[in-house]
């Protein structure tokens, strides 16, 4: 069942988590979905390094999808 991620305040975070979840639901493997979401984050934040993007995507996927937490994350500084 799909989760509602409307509680996520940051647009980029919500986009990344939604994209990851949807890709996995269509059978895309974890590494490919993670890579695509890293690219998506860098579209929202071209100033971010690849390492920073990977760290944030990993944090958000773990927080929202693996642990199912609804609280805020450290994330980036945007709205």
Protein backbone atom coordinates (compact mmCIF):
# COMPACT_ATOMS: atom_id res chain seq x y z
CA UNK A 1 0.00 0.00 0.00
CA UNK A 2 1.27 3.48 -0.87
CA UNK A 3 2.20 5.81 1.95
CA UNK A 4 1.21 9.44 2.00
CA UNK A 5 4.30 11.63 2.19
CA UNK A 6 2.45 14.96 2.29
CA UNK A 7 3.80 15.52 5.82
CA UNK A 8 7.31 16.00 4.36
CA UNK A 9 7.92 19.75 4.26
CA UNK A 10 10.82 19.93 1.77
CA UNK A 11 9.78 19.61 -1.86
CA UNK A 12 13.04 17.90 -2.84
CA UNK A 13 12.79 15.40 0.02
CA UNK A 14 9.19 14.54 -0.84
CA UNK A 15 10.09 14.17 -4.53
CA UNK A 16 13.03 11.87 -3.75
CA UNK A 17 11.11 9.63 -1.34
CA UNK A 18 8.10 9.39 -3.66
CA UNK A 19 10.27 8.64 -6.70
CA UNK A 20 12.21 5.96 -4.85
CA UNK A 21 9.05 4.28 -3.57
CA UNK A 22 7.37 4.35 -6.98
CA UNK A 23 10.40 3.01 -8.81
CA UNK A 24 10.74 0.12 -6.37
CA UNK A 25 7.02 -0.66 -6.71
CA UNK A 26 7.53 -1.06 -10.47
CA UNK A 27 10.39 -3.51 -9.96
CA UNK A 28 13.37 -1.20 -10.38
CA UNK A 29 16.30 -2.57 -8.39
CA UNK A 30 17.52 -0.72 -5.30
CA UNK A 31 20.79 0.55 -6.79
CA UNK A 32 19.11 1.94 -9.93
CA UNK A 33 16.34 3.61 -7.91
CA UNK A 34 18.92 5.10 -5.54
CA UNK A 35 21.00 6.41 -8.45
CA UNK A 36 17.96 7.96 -10.14
CA UNK A 37 16.93 9.65 -6.89
CA UNK A 38 20.44 10.99 -6.37
CA UNK A 39 20.20 12.54 -9.83
CA UNK A 40 16.74 13.92 -9.00
CA UNK A 41 18.11 15.55 -5.84
CA UNK A 42 20.94 17.14 -7.82
CA UNK A 43 18.39 18.58 -10.29
CA UNK A 44 16.74 20.33 -7.32
CA UNK A 45 20.16 21.24 -5.89
CA UNK A 46 22.81 21.55 -8.62
CA UNK A 47 25.20 23.02 -6.08
CA UNK A 48 25.26 19.75 -4.10
CA UNK A 49 28.16 17.37 -4.47
CA UNK A 50 27.49 13.79 -5.50
CA UNK A 51 28.52 12.61 -2.02
CA UNK A 52 26.15 15.06 -0.33
CA UNK A 53 23.29 13.96 -2.59
CA UNK A 54 23.98 10.28 -1.90
CA UNK A 55 24.09 10.88 1.85
CA UNK A 56 20.79 12.76 1.88
CA UNK A 57 18.99 10.28 -0.37
CA UNK A 58 20.20 7.40 1.81
CA UNK A 59 19.11 9.24 4.96
CA UNK A 60 15.66 10.03 3.56
CA UNK A 61 15.01 6.54 2.20
CA UNK A 62 16.07 5.00 5.50
CA UNK A 63 14.06 7.48 7.57
CA UNK A 64 10.80 7.45 5.62
CA UNK A 65 10.72 4.05 3.91
CA UNK A 66 12.86 1.65 5.92
CA UNK A 67 11.98 2.89 9.42
CA UNK A 68 8.62 4.46 8.51
CA UNK A 69 9.38 7.53 10.63
CA UNK A 70 7.24 10.64 10.20
CA UNK A 71 9.37 13.16 12.06
CA UNK A 72 11.65 15.70 10.44
CA UNK A 73 15.09 14.82 9.08
CA UNK A 74 18.27 16.89 9.09
CA UNK A 75 18.16 17.08 5.31
CA UNK A 76 19.02 20.16 3.33
CA UNK A 77 18.25 23.77 4.17
CA UNK A 78 15.53 24.40 1.60
CA UNK A 79 11.74 24.48 1.99
